C-alpha atoms as a PDB file:
ATOM      1  CA  MET A   1      87.581  46.862 -46.576  1.00  0.00           C
ATOM      2  CA  THR A   2      85.135  43.760 -45.542  1.00  0.00           C
ATOM      3  CA  LEU A   3      83.860  43.070 -42.260  1.00  0.00           C
ATOM      4  CA  TYR A   4      82.784  39.671 -40.817  1.00  0.00           C
ATOM      5  CA  ALA A   5      81.245  38.155 -37.890  1.00  0.00           C
ATOM      6  CA  PHE A   6      81.599  34.772 -36.927  1.00  0.00           C
ATOM      7  CA  ARG A   7      81.143  32.399 -33.946  1.00  0.00           C
ATOM      8  CA  TYR A   8      84.038  30.498 -32.730  1.00  0.00           C
ATOM      9  CA  LYS A   9      84.844  28.153 -29.467  1.00  0.00           C
ATOM     10  CA  ASN A  10      87.677  29.702 -27.455  1.00  0.00           C
ATOM     11  CA  ALA A  11      90.096  27.932 -25.103  1.00  0.00           C
ATOM     12  CA  ALA A  12      87.731  27.578 -22.155  1.00  0.00           C
ATOM     13  CA  ASN A  13      85.044  25.637 -24.513  1.00  0.00           C
ATOM     14  CA  GLU A  14      82.874  28.954 -24.647  1.00  0.00           C
ATOM     15  CA  TRP A  15      81.268  29.860 -27.997  1.00  0.00           C
ATOM     16  CA  ARG A  16      82.246  33.847 -28.750  1.00  0.00           C
ATOM     17  CA  TRP A  17      81.496  36.185 -31.541  1.00  0.00           C
ATOM     18  CA  LEU A  18      83.979  37.805 -33.393  1.00  0.00           C
ATOM     19  CA  GLU A  19      84.051  40.787 -35.667  1.00  0.00           C
ATOM     20  CA  THR A  20      86.890  41.046 -38.510  1.00  0.00           C
ATOM     21  CA  ILE A  21      87.804  43.761 -40.578  1.00  0.00           C
ATOM     22  CA  ALA A  22      90.054  42.515 -43.775  1.00  0.00           C
ATOM     23  CA  SER A  23      92.022  45.277 -45.923  1.00  0.00           C
ATOM     24  CA  ASN A  24      93.609  44.486 -48.768  1.00  0.00           C
ATOM     25  CA  GLN A  25      97.392  46.174 -48.478  1.00  0.00           C
ATOM     26  CA  LEU A  26      98.752  44.336 -51.177  1.00  0.00           C
ATOM     27  CA  GLN A  27      99.191  47.539 -53.249  1.00  0.00           C
ATOM     28  CA  ASN A  28     101.076  49.294 -50.396  1.00  0.00           C
ATOM     29  CA  PRO A  29     104.782  49.246 -50.681  1.00  0.00           C
ATOM     30  CA  SER A  30     105.185  49.232 -46.702  1.00  0.00           C
ATOM     31  CA  ILE A  31     102.705  46.712 -46.226  1.00  0.00           C
ATOM     32  CA  ARG A  32     102.066  44.408 -49.136  1.00  0.00           C
ATOM     33  CA  SER A  33      99.732  41.920 -47.016  1.00  0.00           C
ATOM     34  CA  LEU A  34      96.481  41.478 -46.161  1.00  0.00           C
ATOM     35  CA  VAL A  35      95.648  42.993 -42.666  1.00  0.00           C
ATOM     36  CA  LEU A  36      92.808  41.754 -40.451  1.00  0.00           C
ATOM     37  CA  ALA A  37      91.907  43.516 -37.387  1.00  0.00           C
ATOM     38  CA  SER A  38      89.311  41.317 -34.766  1.00  0.00           C
ATOM     39  CA  ARG A  39      87.536  42.139 -31.766  1.00  0.00           C
ATOM     40  CA  ASP A  40      85.206  40.268 -29.502  1.00  0.00           C
ATOM     41  CA  ILE A  41      81.702  41.576 -29.700  1.00  0.00           C
ATOM     42  CA  THR A  42      79.681  38.424 -28.051  1.00  0.00           C
ATOM     43  CA  GLU A  43      78.052  40.880 -25.352  1.00  0.00           C
ATOM     44  CA  PRO A  44      76.850  43.091 -27.563  1.00  0.00           C
ATOM     45  CA  ILE A  45      75.368  40.186 -29.929  1.00  0.00           C
ATOM     46  CA  LEU A  46      73.912  38.152 -26.615  1.00  0.00           C
ATOM     47  CA  ASN A  47      72.412  41.802 -25.597  1.00  0.00           C
ATOM     48  CA  LYS A  48      70.421  42.416 -28.855  1.00  0.00           C
ATOM     49  CA  LEU A  49      69.494  38.376 -28.552  1.00  0.00           C
ATOM     50  CA  ARG A  50      68.238  39.188 -25.242  1.00  0.00           C
ATOM     51  CA  ILE A  51      66.446  41.768 -26.411  1.00  0.00           C
ATOM     52  CA  LYS A  52      64.963  40.583 -29.440  1.00  0.00           C
ATOM     53  CA  GLU A  53      63.631  37.450 -26.919  1.00  0.00           C
ATOM     54  CA  ASN A  54      62.384  39.593 -24.501  1.00  0.00           C
ATOM     55  CA  GLU A  55      60.207  41.606 -27.461  1.00  0.00           C
ATOM     56  CA  GLN A  56      58.934  38.308 -28.990  1.00  0.00           C
ATOM     57  CA  ARG A  57      57.963  37.265 -25.311  1.00  0.00           C
ATOM     58  CA  PHE A  58      56.412  40.464 -24.511  1.00  0.00           C
ATOM     59  CA  LYS A  59      54.351  40.477 -28.342  1.00  0.00           C
ATOM     60  CA  ALA A  60      52.974  37.272 -27.318  1.00  0.00           C
ATOM     61  CA  LEU A  61      51.696  38.673 -24.018  1.00  0.00           C
ATOM     62  CA  PHE A  62      50.256  41.292 -25.598  1.00  0.00           C
ATOM     63  CA  GLU A  63      48.549  39.789 -28.908  1.00  0.00           C
ATOM     64  CA  ASN A  64      47.486  36.876 -26.970  1.00  0.00           C
ATOM     65  CA  ASN A  65      45.995  38.386 -23.640  1.00  0.00           C
ATOM     66  CA  PRO A  66      42.090  37.589 -23.381  1.00  0.00           C
ATOM     67  CA  ASP A  67      41.971  40.751 -22.097  1.00  0.00           C
ATOM     68  CA  MET A  68      41.847  44.143 -24.004  1.00  0.00           C
ATOM     69  CA  VAL A  69      44.830  45.966 -23.777  1.00  0.00           C
ATOM     70  CA  PHE A  70      45.643  49.439 -25.473  1.00  0.00           C
ATOM     71  CA  PHE A  71      48.652  51.514 -25.222  1.00  0.00           C
ATOM     72  CA  GLU A  72      48.187  55.276 -24.973  1.00  0.00           C
ATOM     73  CA  ASN A  73      50.954  58.431 -25.406  1.00  0.00           C
ATOM     74  CA  LYS A  74      51.090  60.811 -22.820  1.00  0.00           C
ATOM     75  CA  GLU A  75      48.232  62.724 -24.784  1.00  0.00           C
ATOM     76  CA  GLY A  76      46.024  59.922 -24.686  1.00  0.00           C
ATOM     77  CA  VAL A  77      46.381  58.918 -28.076  1.00  0.00           C
ATOM     78  CA  ILE A  78      45.831  55.269 -28.713  1.00  0.00           C
ATOM     79  CA  GLN A  79      49.087  53.872 -30.413  1.00  0.00           C
ATOM     80  CA  ASP A  80      48.537  49.861 -30.462  1.00  0.00           C
ATOM     81  CA  ILE A  81      45.943  47.707 -29.362  1.00  0.00           C
ATOM     82  CA  ASN A  82      45.835  43.650 -29.077  1.00  0.00           C
ATOM     83  CA  PRO A  83      43.194  41.795 -30.852  1.00  0.00           C
ATOM     84  CA  ALA A  84      40.876  41.441 -28.245  1.00  0.00           C
ATOM     85  CA  VAL A  85      39.952  44.921 -28.205  1.00  0.00           C
ATOM     86  CA  LEU A  86      38.908  44.166 -32.148  1.00  0.00           C
ATOM     87  CA  SER A  87      36.923  41.041 -31.490  1.00  0.00           C
ATOM     88  CA  TYR A  88      35.539  42.716 -28.375  1.00  0.00           C
ATOM     89  CA  TYR A  89      33.950  45.982 -30.189  1.00  0.00           C
ATOM     90  CA  GLY A  90      33.759  44.355 -33.688  1.00  0.00           C
ATOM     91  CA  ILE A  91      35.988  47.194 -35.294  1.00  0.00           C
ATOM     92  CA  ASP A  92      39.083  47.577 -37.620  1.00  0.00           C
ATOM     93  CA  ARG A  93      42.532  48.919 -36.201  1.00  0.00           C
ATOM     94  CA  SER A  94      42.121  51.850 -38.352  1.00  0.00           C
ATOM     95  CA  THR A  95      39.213  52.965 -36.631  1.00  0.00           C
ATOM     96  CA  ILE A  96      40.597  53.202 -33.199  1.00  0.00           C
ATOM     97  CA  ILE A  97      44.498  53.855 -33.797  1.00  0.00           C
ATOM     98  CA  GLY A  98      45.795  57.373 -33.641  1.00  0.00           C
ATOM     99  CA  LYS A  99      42.278  58.459 -32.007  1.00  0.00           C
ATOM    100  CA  LYS A 100      41.969  59.074 -28.079  1.00  0.00           C
ATOM    101  CA  LEU A 101      40.675  56.706 -25.996  1.00  0.00           C
ATOM    102  CA  SER A 102      38.180  59.005 -24.414  1.00  0.00           C
ATOM    103  CA  ASP A 103      36.552  59.542 -28.063  1.00  0.00           C
ATOM    104  CA  PHE A 104      34.908  56.347 -27.503  1.00  0.00           C
ATOM    105  CA  LEU A 105      33.430  56.450 -24.275  1.00  0.00           C
ATOM    106  CA  PRO A 106      30.562  58.843 -22.812  1.00  0.00           C
ATOM    107  CA  PRO A 107      31.522  62.314 -21.263  1.00  0.00           C
ATOM    108  CA  GLU A 108      31.048  61.571 -17.705  1.00  0.00           C
ATOM    109  CA  THR A 109      33.115  58.042 -17.870  1.00  0.00           C
ATOM    110  CA  ALA A 110      35.773  59.969 -20.074  1.00  0.00           C
ATOM    111  CA  GLN A 111      36.251  62.359 -17.267  1.00  0.00           C
ATOM    112  CA  ILE A 112      36.840  59.735 -14.682  1.00  0.00           C
ATOM    113  CA  CYS A 113      39.344  57.594 -17.082  1.00  0.00           C
ATOM    114  CA  HIS A 114      41.159  61.135 -17.613  1.00  0.00           C
ATOM    115  CA  GLU A 115      41.381  61.879 -13.888  1.00  0.00           C
ATOM    116  CA  LYS A 116      43.013  57.669 -13.694  1.00  0.00           C
ATOM    117  CA  LYS A 117      45.045  58.547 -16.703  1.00  0.00           C
ATOM    118  CA  GLN A 118      46.797  61.426 -14.612  1.00  0.00           C
ATOM    119  CA  GLU A 119      47.538  59.574 -11.339  1.00  0.00           C
ATOM    120  CA  ALA A 120      49.151  56.934 -13.641  1.00  0.00           C
ATOM    121  CA  LEU A 121      51.200  59.074 -15.638  1.00  0.00           C
ATOM    122  CA  ALA A 122      52.379  60.359 -12.255  1.00  0.00           C
ATOM    123  CA  GLY A 123      54.070  56.722 -11.842  1.00  0.00           C
ATOM    124  CA  ASN A 124      51.111  55.097 -10.242  1.00  0.00           C
ATOM    125  CA  ARG A 125      49.426  51.566 -10.950  1.00  0.00           C
ATOM    126  CA  VAL A 126      45.336  52.322 -11.185  1.00  0.00           C
ATOM    127  CA  GLN A 127      42.500  49.876 -10.809  1.00  0.00           C
ATOM    128  CA  PHE A 128      39.136  50.744 -10.850  1.00  0.00           C
ATOM    129  CA  GLU A 129      35.590  50.073 -12.249  1.00  0.00           C
ATOM    130  CA  LEU A 130      33.280  51.753 -14.832  1.00  0.00           C
ATOM    131  CA  GLU A 131      29.834  51.223 -15.660  1.00  0.00           C
ATOM    132  CA  MET A 132      29.315  52.755 -18.913  1.00  0.00           C
ATOM    133  CA  THR A 133      27.371  52.176 -22.363  1.00  0.00           C
ATOM    134  CA  ILE A 134      29.524  51.684 -25.221  1.00  0.00           C
ATOM    135  CA  ALA A 135      29.409  53.683 -28.165  1.00  0.00           C
ATOM    136  CA  GLY A 136      28.105  51.759 -30.968  1.00  0.00           C
ATOM    137  CA  HIS A 137      26.965  48.998 -29.019  1.00  0.00           C
ATOM    138  CA  GLU A 138      23.754  50.670 -27.463  1.00  0.00           C
ATOM    139  CA  ASN A 139      21.807  47.715 -27.645  1.00  0.00           C
ATOM    140  CA  LYS A 140      24.105  46.145 -25.110  1.00  0.00           C
ATOM    141  CA  GLY A 141      22.920  48.208 -22.308  1.00  0.00           C
ATOM    142  CA  LYS A 142      24.836  49.360 -19.500  1.00  0.00           C
ATOM    143  CA  VAL A 143      28.119  47.091 -19.326  1.00  0.00           C
ATOM    144  CA  PHE A 144      30.681  46.855 -16.188  1.00  0.00           C
ATOM    145  CA  MET A 145      34.629  47.329 -17.246  1.00  0.00           C
ATOM    146  CA  ASP A 146      37.341  46.391 -14.333  1.00  0.00           C
ATOM    147  CA  LEU A 147      40.174  48.716 -15.922  1.00  0.00           C
ATOM    148  CA  SER A 148      43.886  49.160 -14.911  1.00  0.00           C
ATOM    149  CA  LYS A 149      46.093  51.739 -16.223  1.00  0.00           C
ATOM    150  CA  MET A 150      49.992  50.900 -15.820  1.00  0.00           C
ATOM    151  CA  PRO A 151      52.340  53.330 -16.492  1.00  0.00           C
ATOM    152  CA  VAL A 152      55.517  53.004 -19.200  1.00  0.00           C
ATOM    153  CA  GLU A 153      58.612  54.206 -18.492  1.00  0.00           C
ATOM    154  CA  ILE A 154      62.028  54.439 -20.541  1.00  0.00           C
ATOM    155  CA  ASN A 155      65.313  55.936 -18.845  1.00  0.00           C
ATOM    156  CA  GLY A 156      63.056  57.046 -15.697  1.00  0.00           C
ATOM    157  CA  GLU A 157      60.707  58.864 -17.976  1.00  0.00           C
ATOM    158  CA  THR A 158      56.917  57.953 -18.352  1.00  0.00           C
ATOM    159  CA  VAL A 159      56.397  58.060 -22.409  1.00  0.00           C
ATOM    160  CA  GLY A 160      52.884  56.513 -22.273  1.00  0.00           C
ATOM    161  CA  LEU A 161      50.609  54.091 -20.548  1.00  0.00           C
ATOM    162  CA  TYR A 162      49.217  50.434 -20.864  1.00  0.00           C
ATOM    163  CA  THR A 163      45.162  50.110 -20.484  1.00  0.00           C
ATOM    164  CA  ILE A 164      44.051  46.569 -19.659  1.00  0.00           C
ATOM    165  CA  SER A 165      39.974  46.377 -19.614  1.00  0.00           C
ATOM    166  CA  ARG A 166      37.881  43.186 -18.671  1.00  0.00           C
ATOM    167  CA  ASP A 167      34.105  42.946 -19.139  1.00  0.00           C
ATOM    168  CA  ILE A 168      32.953  42.109 -16.028  1.00  0.00           C
ATOM    169  CA  THR A 169      28.982  42.547 -16.494  1.00  0.00           C
ATOM    170  CA  ALA A 170      28.220  38.759 -15.799  1.00  0.00           C
ATOM    171  CA  ILE A 171      30.206  38.771 -12.431  1.00  0.00           C
ATOM    172  CA  LYS A 172      28.117  42.156 -11.287  1.00  0.00           C
ATOM    173  CA  THR A 173      25.169  40.670 -12.207  1.00  0.00           C
ATOM    174  CA  SER A 174      25.703  37.458 -10.405  1.00  0.00           C
ATOM    175  CA  GLN A 175      26.735  39.302  -7.703  1.00  0.00           C
ATOM    176  CA  ASN A 176      23.560  41.665  -7.368  1.00  0.00           C
ATOM    177  CA  THR A 177      21.501  37.911  -7.632  1.00  0.00           C
ATOM    178  CA  ILE A 178      23.839  36.807  -5.135  1.00  0.00           C
ATOM    179  CA  ARG A 179      22.866  39.575  -3.013  1.00  0.00           C
ATOM    180  CA  GLN A 180      18.887  39.942  -3.619  1.00  0.00           C
ATOM    181  CA  GLN A 181      18.745  36.402  -2.794  1.00  0.00           C
ATOM    182  CA  ALA A 182      20.437  36.519   0.426  1.00  0.00           C
ATOM    183  CA  LYS A 183      17.889  39.486   1.241  1.00  0.00           C
ATOM    184  CA  LYS A 184      15.165  37.123   0.570  1.00  0.00           C
ATOM    185  CA  LEU A 185      16.503  34.146   2.649  1.00  0.00           C
ATOM    186  CA  ASN A 186      17.401  36.815   5.610  1.00  0.00           C
ATOM    187  CA  ASN A 187      13.655  38.271   5.520  1.00  0.00           C
ATOM    188  CA  ILE A 188      12.600  34.836   5.473  1.00  0.00           C
ATOM    189  CA  PHE A 189      14.646  34.236   8.450  1.00  0.00           C
ATOM    190  CA  GLU A 190      13.869  36.886  10.450  1.00  0.00           C
ATOM    191  CA  SER A 191      10.137  36.501   9.741  1.00  0.00           C
ATOM    192  CA  ILE A 192      10.470  32.988  11.648  1.00  0.00           C
ATOM    193  CA  ARG A 193       8.898  33.443  15.119  1.00  0.00           C
ATOM    194  CA  ASP A 194      10.986  30.653  16.655  1.00  0.00           C
ATOM    195  CA  ALA A 195      14.601  31.065  17.368  1.00  0.00           C
ATOM    196  CA  PHE A 196      16.802  30.124  14.399  1.00  0.00           C
ATOM    197  CA  PHE A 197      20.215  29.961  14.182  1.00  0.00           C
ATOM    198  CA  THR A 198      22.815  28.335  11.331  1.00  0.00           C
ATOM    199  CA  ILE A 199      26.527  27.081  11.856  1.00  0.00           C
ATOM    200  CA  ASP A 200      28.986  25.739   9.980  1.00  0.00           C
ATOM    201  CA  LYS A 201      31.139  22.406   9.661  1.00  0.00           C
ATOM    202  CA  ASP A 202      33.349  23.924  12.171  1.00  0.00           C
ATOM    203  CA  TRP A 203      30.697  25.205  14.574  1.00  0.00           C
ATOM    204  CA  ASN A 204      30.772  28.566  14.306  1.00  0.00           C
ATOM    205  CA  PHE A 205      27.643  30.650  13.851  1.00  0.00           C
ATOM    206  CA  THR A 206      26.733  31.860  10.649  1.00  0.00           C
ATOM    207  CA  TYR A 207      23.626  33.470  11.366  1.00  0.00           C
ATOM    208  CA  LEU A 208      21.439  34.583  14.340  1.00  0.00           C
ATOM    209  CA  ASN A 209      18.013  35.817  14.115  1.00  0.00           C
ATOM    210  CA  LYS A 210      16.389  38.399  16.605  1.00  0.00           C
ATOM    211  CA  GLU A 211      14.335  35.832  18.434  1.00  0.00           C
ATOM    212  CA  CYS A 212      17.602  33.475  18.987  1.00  0.00           C
ATOM    213  CA  GLU A 213      19.340  36.790  19.900  1.00  0.00           C
ATOM    214  CA  ARG A 214      16.606  37.809  22.147  1.00  0.00           C
ATOM    215  CA  LEU A 215      16.187  34.069  23.707  1.00  0.00           C
ATOM    216  CA  LEU A 216      19.866  32.992  24.006  1.00  0.00           C
ATOM    217  CA  GLY A 217      20.782  36.541  25.543  1.00  0.00           C
ATOM    218  CA  VAL A 218      23.429  37.346  22.681  1.00  0.00           C
ATOM    219  CA  ASP A 219      24.674  39.839  20.465  1.00  0.00           C
ATOM    220  CA  ARG A 220      23.923  38.300  17.355  1.00  0.00           C
ATOM    221  CA  LEU A 221      26.538  40.720  15.323  1.00  0.00           C
ATOM    222  CA  GLU A 222      29.202  39.772  17.875  1.00  0.00           C
ATOM    223  CA  SER A 223      28.427  35.930  17.544  1.00  0.00           C
ATOM    224  CA  VAL A 224      28.549  35.549  14.111  1.00  0.00           C
ATOM    225  CA  GLY A 225      31.747  34.117  12.877  1.00  0.00           C
ATOM    226  CA  ARG A 226      32.564  32.807  16.628  1.00  0.00           C
ATOM    227  CA  HIS A 227      32.925  29.057  17.605  1.00  0.00           C
ATOM    228  CA  VAL A 228      29.345  27.990  19.590  1.00  0.00           C
ATOM    229  CA  LEU A 229      31.831  27.327  22.694  1.00  0.00           C
ATOM    230  CA  ASP A 230      33.334  30.533  22.300  1.00  0.00           C
ATOM    231  CA  VAL A 231      29.863  32.127  22.645  1.00  0.00           C
ATOM    232  CA  PHE A 232      28.772  29.753  25.594  1.00  0.00           C
ATOM    233  CA  PRO A 233      31.788  28.224  27.609  1.00  0.00           C
ATOM    234  CA  GLU A 234      29.670  27.050  30.037  1.00  0.00           C
ATOM    235  CA  GLU A 235      28.765  24.230  27.692  1.00  0.00           C
ATOM    236  CA  VAL A 236      32.347  22.670  27.312  1.00  0.00           C
ATOM    237  CA  ASN A 237      32.153  19.582  28.319  1.00  0.00           C
ATOM    238  CA  GLY A 238      28.353  19.729  28.734  1.00  0.00           C
END
């Protein structure tokens, strides 16, 4: 018995896959011929091609993702990681595969991750931030991580989850710097004895100091974000 699969074009000018089984019945006195049995296997072939294409797409996305990606099973054991993890931590795959993500985290941080993992395993997408010290890289000091945990379901059952991690320390540092500068400017503006206010290009109030609030007789918290003429409607066409 021989099995063949080949592609052909049918009467509708469509390419179809055909599977043919050839059986040698020449020695069978009742038949004395070669017997061929064929069936259309186009859909199974196309389904396999679609699955393979999707796998390749996912692999490309996983491998080339600039963020760190971990795949954990339901017990929290790391099954796979992308190259970004190796680059960031400066480790080999053997160092982390087969171990729990919590093994690489400080106790207080590991507890938070465990709680978020349980929430994700319940079928929820979870996003949170952590301030932590990276084991083996204590010289870096505290770092801020933005993490997302997403459940992976197969046939309606959650089999594990993906954790996507991104170092946002630089962003947090910039935000803190901006807040500190804004606080300094606010102290300067509040110390000005004259009435002082600022408006944007659309003539909306963006800041009023206490003396401006007193002199104009307005509530500065209610005025910020409003148009000058909304705060002083009597000045329309004035």
